[in-house]
Amino acid sequence: MMEELLRQILVKLDKVEMNVGQFQSEVRGRFEQMDKRFEQIDQCFAQVDKRFKQIDQRFEQIDKRFEEIDKRFEQMTNVSLKLMNVLLK
C-alpha cells in the first residue's frame, strides 16, 4: 500500500515536472517572439527618426527661402518708397 502511494506521488511529480518544463519552454518561446518584435519596432523607429531628420532639413531649406523672399520684399518696398518720393517731388 505504501509503495503504491509512493508510486502515485512519483507519477504526479513527473507530470508536474513535465508541465513546468512545457510552461518554461512556452514562456521562452514567447520572450523570443517579443524580442524579435522589439527589434522590428526599433528598426521602425530608426526609419522614423531618419525621416524626421530629412523633414527637419527640408524645413531649414524652406526657412532660408522665406528669409530670401522677405529680403526681396523689403528691397522692393524700399525701391517703391524711393520711387514714390521722387514722383511726389
Protein backbone atom coordinates (compact mmCIF):
# COMPACT_ATOMS: atom_id res chain seq x y z
CA MET A 1 0.00 0.00 0.00
CA MET A 2 2.79 2.44 0.88
CA GLU A 3 4.64 1.53 -2.30
CA GLU A 4 1.54 2.22 -4.37
CA LEU A 5 1.07 5.60 -2.70
CA LEU A 6 4.72 6.49 -3.35
CA ARG A 7 4.37 5.39 -6.98
CA GLN A 8 1.29 7.61 -7.43
CA ILE A 9 3.14 10.54 -5.86
CA LEU A 10 6.09 9.98 -8.21
CA VAL A 11 3.79 9.80 -11.24
CA LYS A 12 2.13 13.05 -10.18
CA LEU A 13 5.51 14.70 -9.58
CA ASP A 14 6.64 13.56 -13.04
CA LYS A 15 3.52 15.13 -14.56
CA VAL A 16 4.07 18.37 -12.64
CA GLU A 17 7.71 18.45 -13.73
CA MET A 18 6.72 17.83 -17.34
CA ASN A 19 4.06 20.58 -17.21
CA VAL A 20 6.54 23.02 -15.66
CA GLY A 21 9.04 22.17 -18.41
CA GLN A 22 6.44 22.77 -21.10
CA PHE A 23 5.43 26.04 -19.47
CA GLN A 24 9.06 27.20 -19.29
CA SER A 25 9.54 26.29 -22.94
CA GLU A 26 6.40 28.23 -23.95
CA VAL A 27 7.50 31.24 -21.90
CA ARG A 28 10.96 31.17 -23.51
CA GLY A 29 9.32 30.98 -26.94
CA ARG A 30 7.08 33.94 -26.16
CA PHE A 31 10.01 36.00 -24.92
CA GLU A 32 11.93 35.18 -28.10
CA GLN A 33 8.94 36.36 -30.15
CA MET A 34 8.74 39.52 -28.07
CA ASP A 35 12.47 40.17 -28.54
CA LYS A 36 12.10 39.82 -32.32
CA ARG A 37 9.12 42.15 -32.30
CA PHE A 38 11.02 44.74 -30.27
CA GLU A 39 13.87 44.54 -32.79
CA GLN A 40 11.36 45.22 -35.58
CA ILE A 41 9.91 48.13 -33.62
CA ASP A 42 13.41 49.54 -33.04
CA GLN A 43 14.07 49.35 -36.79
CA CYS A 44 10.80 51.17 -37.48
CA PHE A 45 11.72 53.91 -35.00
CA ALA A 46 15.13 54.25 -36.65
CA GLN A 47 13.41 54.76 -40.01
CA VAL A 48 11.01 57.28 -38.49
CA ASP A 49 13.94 59.16 -36.92
CA LYS A 50 15.71 59.23 -40.27
CA ARG A 51 12.60 60.57 -41.97
CA PHE A 52 12.14 63.28 -39.32
CA LYS A 53 15.75 64.37 -39.87
CA GLN A 54 15.03 64.69 -43.58
CA ILE A 55 11.89 66.69 -42.84
CA ASP A 56 13.83 68.96 -40.46
CA GLN A 57 16.42 69.58 -43.17
CA ARG A 58 13.68 70.43 -45.64
CA PHE A 59 12.12 72.90 -43.19
CA GLU A 60 15.52 74.53 -42.75
CA GLN A 61 15.71 74.97 -46.52
CA ILE A 62 12.20 76.40 -46.60
CA ASP A 63 13.05 78.82 -43.77
CA LYS A 64 16.10 80.05 -45.70
CA ARG A 65 13.97 80.52 -48.79
CA PHE A 66 11.42 82.56 -46.84
CA GLU A 67 14.23 84.72 -45.45
CA GLU A 68 15.36 85.40 -49.03
CA ILE A 69 11.80 86.25 -50.04
CA ASP A 70 11.46 88.60 -47.06
CA LYS A 71 14.67 90.38 -48.07
CA ARG A 72 13.40 90.79 -51.62
CA PHE A 73 10.10 92.20 -50.40
CA GLU A 74 11.99 94.63 -48.21
CA GLN A 75 14.12 95.68 -51.16
CA MET A 76 11.03 96.09 -53.34
CA THR A 77 9.36 98.16 -50.64
CA ASN A 78 12.41 100.40 -50.34
CA VAL A 79 12.56 100.86 -54.10
CA SER A 80 8.82 101.63 -54.22
CA LEU A 81 9.17 104.21 -51.46
CA LYS A 82 12.08 105.89 -53.24
CA LEU A 83 10.10 106.00 -56.48
CA MET A 84 7.10 107.50 -54.72
CA ASN A 85 9.33 110.15 -53.13
CA VAL A 86 10.84 111.01 -56.50
CA LEU A 87 7.43 111.18 -58.17
CA LEU A 88 5.90 113.28 -55.41
CA LYS A 89 8.61 115.96 -55.51
